[in-house]
N, C-alpha and C. Protein backbone atom coordinates (compact mmCIF):
# COMPACT_ATOMS: atom_id res chain seq x y z
N MET A 1 0.77 -1.34 -0.16
CA MET A 1 -0.14 -0.13 0.17
C MET A 1 0.86 1.54 0.28
N ALA A 2 0.71 1.98 -0.61
CA ALA A 2 1.10 3.67 -0.89
C ALA A 2 0.50 4.39 -0.20
N LYS A 3 1.84 4.68 0.46
CA LYS A 3 1.56 6.11 1.70
C LYS A 3 1.47 7.10 0.43
N PHE A 4 0.19 7.79 0.96
CA PHE A 4 0.09 9.85 0.57
C PHE A 4 0.66 10.41 1.27
N THR A 5 1.28 11.38 0.99
CA THR A 5 1.78 12.23 1.76
C THR A 5 1.35 13.57 1.22
N LYS A 6 1.15 14.19 2.08
CA LYS A 6 0.85 15.88 1.72
C LYS A 6 2.16 16.87 1.83
N LYS A 7 2.32 17.25 0.64
CA LYS A 7 4.22 18.17 0.65
C LYS A 7 3.63 19.70 1.24
N ARG A 8 3.67 19.68 2.06
CA ARG A 8 4.06 20.61 3.03
C ARG A 8 5.06 21.91 2.57
N GLY A 9 4.59 22.99 2.39
CA GLY A 9 5.39 24.44 1.76
C GLY A 9 6.53 24.73 2.30
N LYS A 10 7.45 24.37 1.76
CA LYS A 10 8.91 24.77 2.56
C LYS A 10 9.35 26.29 2.89
N ALA A 11 8.81 26.71 1.61
CA ALA A 11 8.81 28.39 1.70
C ALA A 11 7.84 28.91 2.37
N SER A 12 8.33 30.10 2.81
CA SER A 12 7.47 31.06 3.63
C SER A 12 6.61 31.67 2.60
N PRO A 13 5.84 32.17 3.32
CA PRO A 13 4.30 32.85 2.80
C PRO A 13 4.68 34.15 1.97
N ALA A 14 4.11 34.83 1.53
CA ALA A 14 4.77 36.22 0.45
C ALA A 14 4.01 37.24 1.61
N VAL A 15 4.95 38.17 1.76
CA VAL A 15 4.43 39.17 2.90
C VAL A 15 3.42 40.22 2.15
N SER A 16 2.11 40.20 3.22
CA SER A 16 1.12 41.07 2.75
C SER A 16 1.24 42.54 2.79
N THR A 17 1.72 43.21 1.07
CA THR A 17 1.25 44.97 1.18
C THR A 17 -0.24 45.29 1.44
N ALA A 18 -0.87 45.11 1.87
CA ALA A 18 -2.25 45.16 1.60
C ALA A 18 -2.48 46.66 2.68
N SER A 19 -1.59 46.52 4.05
CA SER A 19 -1.31 47.55 5.08
C SER A 19 -0.43 48.89 4.88
N LEU A 20 0.30 48.62 3.85
CA LEU A 20 1.56 49.50 3.68
C LEU A 20 0.68 50.76 3.05
N PRO A 21 -0.33 51.27 2.69
CA PRO A 21 -0.90 52.53 2.54
C PRO A 21 -1.10 53.02 3.77
N ASP A 22 -1.65 52.20 4.68
CA ASP A 22 -2.41 52.56 5.59
C ASP A 22 -1.27 53.20 6.61
N ILE A 23 0.05 52.65 6.90
CA ILE A 23 0.75 52.94 7.40
C ILE A 23 1.97 54.13 6.90
N ILE A 24 1.65 53.80 5.59
CA ILE A 24 2.36 55.67 5.08
C ILE A 24 1.49 56.57 5.92
N PHE A 25 0.05 56.58 5.14
CA PHE A 25 -0.78 57.51 5.72
C PHE A 25 -0.67 58.11 6.94
N MET A 26 -0.23 57.19 7.58
CA MET A 26 -0.29 57.42 9.08
C MET A 26 1.10 57.97 9.51
N LEU A 27 2.04 57.82 8.95
CA LEU A 27 3.38 58.45 9.30
C LEU A 27 3.35 60.17 8.31
N LEU A 28 2.38 60.15 7.39
CA LEU A 28 1.92 61.49 6.99
C LEU A 28 1.74 62.49 7.73
N PHE A 29 0.35 61.86 8.13
CA PHE A 29 -0.29 62.47 9.28
C PHE A 29 0.38 62.96 10.54
N PHE A 30 1.01 61.87 10.60
CA PHE A 30 2.15 62.08 11.89
C PHE A 30 3.06 63.37 11.74
N PHE A 31 3.84 63.38 10.97
CA PHE A 31 4.78 64.54 10.25
C PHE A 31 4.11 65.84 9.77
N MET A 32 3.19 66.27 9.71
CA MET A 32 2.17 66.91 9.31
C MET A 32 1.99 67.65 10.54
N MET A 33 1.31 66.93 11.51
CA MET A 33 0.97 67.68 13.15
C MET A 33 2.28 67.70 13.89
N VAL A 34 3.41 66.84 13.77
CA VAL A 34 4.32 67.84 14.94
C VAL A 34 5.46 68.62 14.27
N THR A 35 5.10 68.94 12.89
CA THR A 35 6.03 69.71 11.93
C THR A 35 5.73 71.39 12.65
N VAL A 36 6.70 72.04 12.85
CA VAL A 36 6.85 73.58 12.89
C VAL A 36 7.33 74.37 12.19
N LEU A 37 6.41 75.12 11.12
CA LEU A 37 6.44 76.13 10.23
C LEU A 37 7.14 77.11 10.74
N ARG A 38 7.36 77.90 9.86
CA ARG A 38 8.01 79.13 10.68
C ARG A 38 7.18 80.26 11.13
N ASP A 39 7.26 80.80 11.88
CA ASP A 39 6.94 81.70 12.71
C ASP A 39 5.80 82.90 11.93
N SER A 40 7.28 83.41 11.78
CA SER A 40 6.87 84.69 11.24
C SER A 40 7.46 84.93 9.58
N ASP A 41 6.21 85.59 8.90
CA ASP A 41 6.64 85.87 7.09
C ASP A 41 7.63 87.19 7.67
N LEU A 42 9.23 87.30 6.90
CA LEU A 42 10.25 87.95 7.10
C LEU A 42 9.48 89.11 5.95
N LYS A 43 9.69 90.36 6.35
CA LYS A 43 9.11 91.27 5.71
C LYS A 43 10.30 92.08 5.28
N LEU A 44 11.59 92.16 5.97
CA LEU A 44 12.60 92.78 5.50
C LEU A 44 14.18 92.38 5.40
N GLN A 45 14.67 92.89 4.82
CA GLN A 45 16.17 92.30 4.37
C GLN A 45 17.21 92.10 5.05
N VAL A 46 17.30 90.73 5.63
CA VAL A 46 18.18 90.53 7.10
C VAL A 46 19.45 90.13 6.27
N ASN A 47 20.26 90.62 6.13
CA ASN A 47 21.83 89.75 5.72
C ASN A 47 22.73 89.77 7.31
N THR A 48 22.73 88.81 7.91
CA THR A 48 23.26 88.97 9.12
C THR A 48 25.05 88.54 8.92
N PRO A 49 25.89 89.44 9.52
CA PRO A 49 26.94 89.32 9.53
C PRO A 49 27.86 88.24 9.57
N GLU A 50 28.77 87.94 9.22
CA GLU A 50 29.39 86.29 9.30
C GLU A 50 30.27 86.28 10.54
N ALA A 51 30.22 85.04 11.45
CA ALA A 51 31.40 85.04 12.13
C ALA A 51 32.02 83.53 12.41
N THR A 52 33.06 83.01 12.91
CA THR A 52 33.90 82.00 12.74
C THR A 52 33.58 81.68 14.26
N GLN A 53 33.14 82.53 15.53
CA GLN A 53 33.09 81.68 16.84
C GLN A 53 31.54 81.92 17.33
N LEU A 54 30.28 80.97 16.95
CA LEU A 54 29.29 80.72 17.21
C LEU A 54 28.66 80.09 17.86
N THR A 55 28.00 80.20 18.79
CA THR A 55 27.34 78.87 19.69
C THR A 55 25.46 79.33 19.59
N LYS A 56 25.06 78.08 19.67
CA LYS A 56 23.52 77.57 19.17
C LYS A 56 22.86 77.63 20.31
N LEU A 57 21.98 78.60 20.00
CA LEU A 57 20.52 78.38 21.16
C LEU A 57 19.93 77.05 21.39
N GLU A 58 19.79 76.59 22.92
CA GLU A 58 19.69 75.34 22.94
C GLU A 58 17.93 75.20 22.65
N GLU A 59 17.26 76.27 23.42
CA GLU A 59 15.74 76.14 23.43
C GLU A 59 14.99 77.24 22.11
N LYS A 60 14.67 76.89 21.56
CA LYS A 60 13.99 78.04 20.51
C LYS A 60 12.90 78.45 20.92
N SER A 61 12.22 77.70 21.68
CA SER A 61 10.79 78.54 22.36
C SER A 61 11.04 79.56 23.45
N LEU A 62 12.28 79.28 23.71
CA LEU A 62 12.52 80.56 24.75
C LEU A 62 13.65 81.80 24.25
N VAL A 63 13.32 81.91 22.58
CA VAL A 63 13.78 83.34 22.16
C VAL A 63 13.08 83.89 21.34
N ASN A 64 12.80 84.89 21.74
CA ASN A 64 12.21 86.15 21.09
C ASN A 64 13.19 86.59 19.34
N TYR A 65 12.87 86.98 18.81
CA TYR A 65 13.57 87.13 17.74
C TYR A 65 13.23 88.34 16.92
N ILE A 66 13.87 89.72 17.05
CA ILE A 66 13.73 91.02 16.73
C ILE A 66 14.81 91.16 15.20
N TYR A 67 13.86 91.23 14.08
CA TYR A 67 14.20 91.29 13.13
C TYR A 67 14.57 92.83 12.57
N ILE A 68 16.04 93.30 12.22
CA ILE A 68 15.73 94.88 11.92
C ILE A 68 16.87 94.92 10.46
N GLY A 69 16.16 95.78 9.54
CA GLY A 69 16.15 95.84 8.53
C GLY A 69 15.64 96.77 7.60
N ARG A 70 16.32 97.03 6.18
CA ARG A 70 15.28 97.20 5.23
C ARG A 70 14.17 96.64 4.97
N PRO A 71 12.98 97.09 4.63
CA PRO A 71 11.85 96.09 4.10
C PRO A 71 11.81 96.32 2.15
N THR A 72 11.56 94.62 2.26
CA THR A 72 11.58 94.25 1.04
C THR A 72 11.34 94.85 -0.06
N LYS A 73 11.44 94.43 -1.21
CA LYS A 73 10.79 95.61 -2.37
C LYS A 73 9.27 95.71 -2.31
N GLN A 74 8.84 94.36 -2.14
CA GLN A 74 7.32 94.32 -2.08
C GLN A 74 6.45 95.07 -0.97
N TYR A 75 7.38 95.51 0.29
CA TYR A 75 6.72 96.42 1.37
C TYR A 75 7.10 97.61 1.10
N GLN A 76 8.37 98.15 0.11
CA GLN A 76 8.78 99.41 0.47
C GLN A 76 7.82 100.38 -0.14
N ALA A 77 6.39 100.48 -0.31
CA ALA A 77 5.89 101.03 -1.21
C ALA A 77 5.09 101.13 0.01
N VAL A 78 5.03 100.52 1.19
CA VAL A 78 4.22 101.03 2.28
C VAL A 78 5.23 101.24 3.33
N TYR A 79 6.11 101.08 3.85
CA TYR A 79 7.13 101.04 4.69
C TYR A 79 8.32 102.38 4.31
N GLY A 80 8.51 102.28 3.22
CA GLY A 80 9.86 103.30 2.75
C GLY A 80 10.84 102.13 2.59
N THR A 81 11.97 102.83 2.39
CA THR A 81 13.03 101.86 2.45
C THR A 81 14.04 102.39 3.76
N SER A 82 13.40 103.36 4.79
CA SER A 82 14.34 103.26 5.61
C SER A 82 14.43 101.97 7.27
N PRO A 83 15.67 101.93 7.40
CA PRO A 83 15.54 100.53 8.56
C PRO A 83 14.46 100.55 9.54
N ARG A 84 13.92 99.22 9.87
CA ARG A 84 12.54 98.94 10.50
C ARG A 84 12.97 97.99 11.23
N ILE A 85 12.11 97.69 12.23
CA ILE A 85 11.93 96.79 13.28
C ILE A 85 10.66 95.39 13.16
N GLN A 86 10.82 94.50 13.09
CA GLN A 86 10.10 93.46 12.88
C GLN A 86 9.59 92.66 13.84
N LEU A 87 8.68 92.63 14.78
CA LEU A 87 8.45 91.75 16.02
C LEU A 87 7.32 90.98 15.59
N GLY A 88 7.69 89.27 15.43
CA GLY A 88 6.93 88.47 15.21
C GLY A 88 6.78 88.56 13.18
N ASP A 89 4.88 88.94 12.68
CA ASP A 89 4.79 88.98 11.68
C ASP A 89 4.43 90.54 11.39
N LYS A 90 4.88 91.41 12.17
CA LYS A 90 4.11 92.90 11.52
C LYS A 90 5.40 93.67 12.07
N ILE A 91 5.63 94.67 11.17
CA ILE A 91 6.65 96.04 11.17
C ILE A 91 5.91 96.77 12.43
N SER A 92 6.96 96.63 13.27
CA SER A 92 6.27 97.77 14.69
C SER A 92 7.76 99.01 14.67
N THR A 93 7.33 99.10 15.96
CA THR A 93 8.45 100.62 16.29
C THR A 93 8.79 99.97 17.81
N VAL A 94 9.62 100.75 18.16
CA VAL A 94 10.81 100.64 19.30
C VAL A 94 9.58 100.20 20.49
N ASP A 95 8.56 101.25 20.82
CA ASP A 95 7.48 101.06 21.96
C ASP A 95 6.83 100.02 21.81
N ASP A 96 6.31 99.30 20.54
CA ASP A 96 5.87 97.65 20.79
C ASP A 96 6.89 96.76 21.46
N ILE A 97 7.55 96.82 21.54
CA ILE A 97 8.59 95.67 22.31
C ILE A 97 8.58 95.11 23.77
N PRO A 98 8.18 96.34 24.67
CA PRO A 98 7.35 96.02 26.01
C PRO A 98 5.97 94.62 25.69
N LEU A 99 5.06 95.14 25.17
CA LEU A 99 4.35 94.45 24.59
C LEU A 99 4.45 92.63 24.03
N PHE A 100 5.36 93.03 23.21
CA PHE A 100 6.20 91.80 22.46
C PHE A 100 6.41 91.32 23.32
N LEU A 101 7.44 91.52 24.23
CA LEU A 101 7.64 90.18 25.14
C LEU A 101 7.23 90.00 26.12
N GLU A 102 6.09 91.18 26.53
CA GLU A 102 5.13 90.25 27.99
C GLU A 102 4.33 89.15 26.88
N GLN A 103 3.90 89.34 25.68
CA GLN A 103 3.07 88.66 25.22
C GLN A 103 3.88 86.97 24.76
N HIS A 104 4.97 87.17 24.86
CA HIS A 104 6.02 85.95 24.55
C HIS A 104 6.17 85.18 26.04
N LYS A 105 6.14 86.20 27.28
CA LYS A 105 6.32 85.30 28.24
C LYS A 105 4.92 84.82 28.96
N VAL A 106 3.71 85.16 28.56
CA VAL A 106 2.80 85.02 28.78
C VAL A 106 2.43 83.26 28.89
N LYS A 107 2.98 83.16 27.56
CA LYS A 107 2.92 81.96 27.05
C LYS A 107 3.47 80.77 27.60
N LEU A 108 4.70 81.02 28.37
CA LEU A 108 5.90 80.00 28.83
C LEU A 108 5.67 80.14 30.52
N PRO A 109 5.70 78.54 30.72
CA PRO A 109 5.77 78.26 32.09
C PRO A 109 6.31 79.50 32.98
N ASP A 110 6.09 79.42 34.26
CA ASP A 110 6.94 80.55 35.02
C ASP A 110 8.30 79.90 35.59
N ASN A 111 8.51 79.09 35.38
CA ASN A 111 9.56 78.43 35.85
C ASN A 111 11.02 78.42 34.43
N LYS A 112 10.72 78.59 33.46
CA LYS A 112 11.20 79.08 32.09
C LYS A 112 11.49 80.48 31.98
N ARG A 113 10.65 81.45 32.23
CA ARG A 113 10.32 82.95 32.01
C ARG A 113 11.66 83.74 32.43
N ASP A 114 12.72 83.46 33.04
CA ASP A 114 13.83 83.88 33.07
C ASP A 114 15.08 83.80 32.37
N ARG A 115 14.14 82.69 31.62
CA ARG A 115 15.62 82.11 30.39
C ARG A 115 15.46 82.76 29.35
N ILE A 116 14.29 83.65 29.08
CA ILE A 116 13.84 84.34 28.06
C ILE A 116 15.05 85.05 27.23
N THR A 117 15.27 84.35 26.23
CA THR A 117 16.68 85.45 25.25
C THR A 117 16.22 86.03 23.80
N SER A 118 16.18 87.70 23.88
CA SER A 118 16.01 88.17 22.79
C SER A 118 17.46 88.11 22.10
N SER A 119 16.59 87.60 20.75
CA SER A 119 17.67 87.50 19.64
C SER A 119 17.67 88.69 18.27
N LEU A 120 18.85 89.47 18.30
CA LEU A 120 18.29 90.57 17.47
C LEU A 120 19.22 89.98 15.90
N ARG A 121 18.41 89.96 14.99
CA ARG A 121 18.97 89.70 13.54
C ARG A 121 19.03 90.70 12.85
N VAL A 122 20.07 91.39 12.98
CA VAL A 122 20.38 92.40 12.50
C VAL A 122 20.98 92.76 10.87
N ASP A 123 20.32 93.38 10.06
CA ASP A 123 21.15 93.27 8.84
C ASP A 123 22.70 93.99 8.59
N GLY A 124 23.56 93.42 8.20
CA GLY A 124 24.82 94.26 8.49
C GLY A 124 24.71 95.77 7.89
N GLU A 125 23.96 96.26 6.68
CA GLU A 125 24.13 97.68 6.37
C GLU A 125 23.21 98.47 7.09
N VAL A 126 22.74 98.06 8.31
CA VAL A 126 22.15 99.17 9.15
C VAL A 126 23.20 99.85 10.28
N THR A 127 22.38 101.16 10.50
CA THR A 127 23.31 101.90 11.59
C THR A 127 23.13 101.60 12.67
N MET A 128 24.21 102.04 13.57
CA MET A 128 23.78 101.82 14.87
C MET A 128 22.76 102.46 16.11
N GLY A 129 22.30 103.30 15.20
CA GLY A 129 21.26 104.27 16.03
C GLY A 129 20.21 103.44 16.46
N ILE A 130 19.33 102.49 15.45
CA ILE A 130 18.45 102.19 15.50
C ILE A 130 18.36 100.53 16.35
N VAL A 131 19.62 100.11 16.55
CA VAL A 131 19.86 99.14 17.46
C VAL A 131 20.09 99.51 18.61
N GLN A 132 20.68 100.28 18.91
CA GLN A 132 20.74 100.80 19.97
C GLN A 132 19.45 101.49 21.15
N ASP A 133 18.67 101.90 19.90
CA ASP A 133 17.66 101.94 20.85
C ASP A 133 16.18 100.81 20.97
N VAL A 134 16.86 99.77 20.36
CA VAL A 134 15.98 98.52 20.40
C VAL A 134 16.95 98.15 21.69
N LYS A 135 17.69 98.14 22.30
CA LYS A 135 19.03 97.48 23.23
C LYS A 135 18.08 98.30 24.38
N THR A 136 18.00 99.79 24.14
CA THR A 136 17.59 100.16 25.18
C THR A 136 16.22 100.10 26.07
N LYS A 137 15.63 99.81 24.92
CA LYS A 137 14.04 99.77 25.22
C LYS A 137 14.00 98.00 25.82
N LEU A 138 14.82 97.30 25.32
CA LEU A 138 14.71 95.88 25.86
C LEU A 138 15.47 95.79 27.35
N ARG A 139 16.42 96.88 27.56
CA ARG A 139 16.73 97.00 29.15
C ARG A 139 15.85 97.39 30.09
N LYS A 140 14.79 98.82 29.34
CA LYS A 140 13.97 99.15 30.03
C LYS A 140 13.06 97.80 30.63
N SER A 141 12.95 97.24 29.81
CA SER A 141 12.04 96.16 30.06
C SER A 141 12.26 95.24 30.51
N ASN A 142 13.70 95.20 31.54
CA ASN A 142 14.10 94.06 31.99
C ASN A 142 14.33 92.68 31.07
N GLN A 143 14.38 92.93 29.91
CA GLN A 143 15.24 91.65 29.06
C GLN A 143 16.46 92.11 28.92
N LEU A 144 17.22 91.78 29.97
CA LEU A 144 18.81 91.39 29.73
C LEU A 144 19.58 90.45 28.94
N LYS A 145 18.78 89.63 28.55
CA LYS A 145 19.41 88.37 27.90
C LYS A 145 19.13 88.73 26.41
N ILE A 146 20.27 88.92 25.90
CA ILE A 146 20.63 89.67 24.37
C ILE A 146 21.53 88.78 23.84
N ASN A 147 21.22 88.51 22.34
CA ASN A 147 22.20 87.90 21.26
C ASN A 147 22.32 88.28 20.06
N TYR A 148 22.87 88.41 19.69
CA TYR A 148 23.29 88.69 17.97
C TYR A 148 23.22 87.56 17.13
N SER A 149 22.86 87.54 16.12
CA SER A 149 22.71 86.40 15.50
C SER A 149 23.30 86.31 14.31
N ALA A 150 24.37 85.90 13.62
CA ALA A 150 25.02 85.85 12.59
C ALA A 150 25.46 84.51 11.83
N GLY A 151 25.80 84.47 11.01
CA GLY A 151 25.47 83.57 9.94
C GLY A 151 27.28 83.02 9.84
N LYS A 152 27.30 81.84 9.70
CA LYS A 152 28.85 80.65 9.73
C LYS A 152 29.47 81.44 8.54
N ARG A 153 30.70 82.10 8.99
CA ARG A 153 32.11 82.59 7.99
C ARG A 153 32.64 80.90 7.76
N ALA A 154 32.66 80.97 6.09
CA ALA A 154 33.66 79.56 5.87
C ALA A 154 34.98 79.76 6.24
N GLN A 155 35.57 78.93 6.79
CA GLN A 155 37.01 79.11 7.26
C GLN A 155 38.05 78.91 5.85
N ALA A 156 39.25 79.96 6.19
CA ALA A 156 39.88 79.84 4.78
C ALA A 156 41.08 78.88 5.34
N LEU A 157 41.11 77.66 4.13
CA LEU A 157 42.24 76.37 4.56
C LEU A 157 43.91 77.27 4.58
N GLU A 158 44.18 76.91 5.77
CA GLU A 158 45.39 77.43 5.48
C GLU A 158 46.77 76.88 4.92
């Protein structure tokens, strides 16, 4: 009598790709939710000076960015060509700085408020008069942590 044996497949079954689109869309939605886009639309031309000795700011949420420069071509009809100050998304004056600082301070927890830094992004062609006015207003507003933003200079090979 002959014995009938079933041939069992020695190969593993194919990997199902039916759930692959679901995984891709879940990743897409995840990255859409956690990505932080630029906070403000830059209305000024700011070409920061270059430097070789730079330190990176650790917590970006504790930084107030104050832009100082000349308006871009599309905003020159409205704001002129003289240097201006941009706080957040709008062109402002020196007198608006305390309110800007307070609005940022309110969003943070109490234990982090003393670590807020104001970062001045100043165009290299701007005179120091407007920068000094901003620094004076920051000092009067009790914002004593200030830094100047700069771009990284390519080091010359020796």
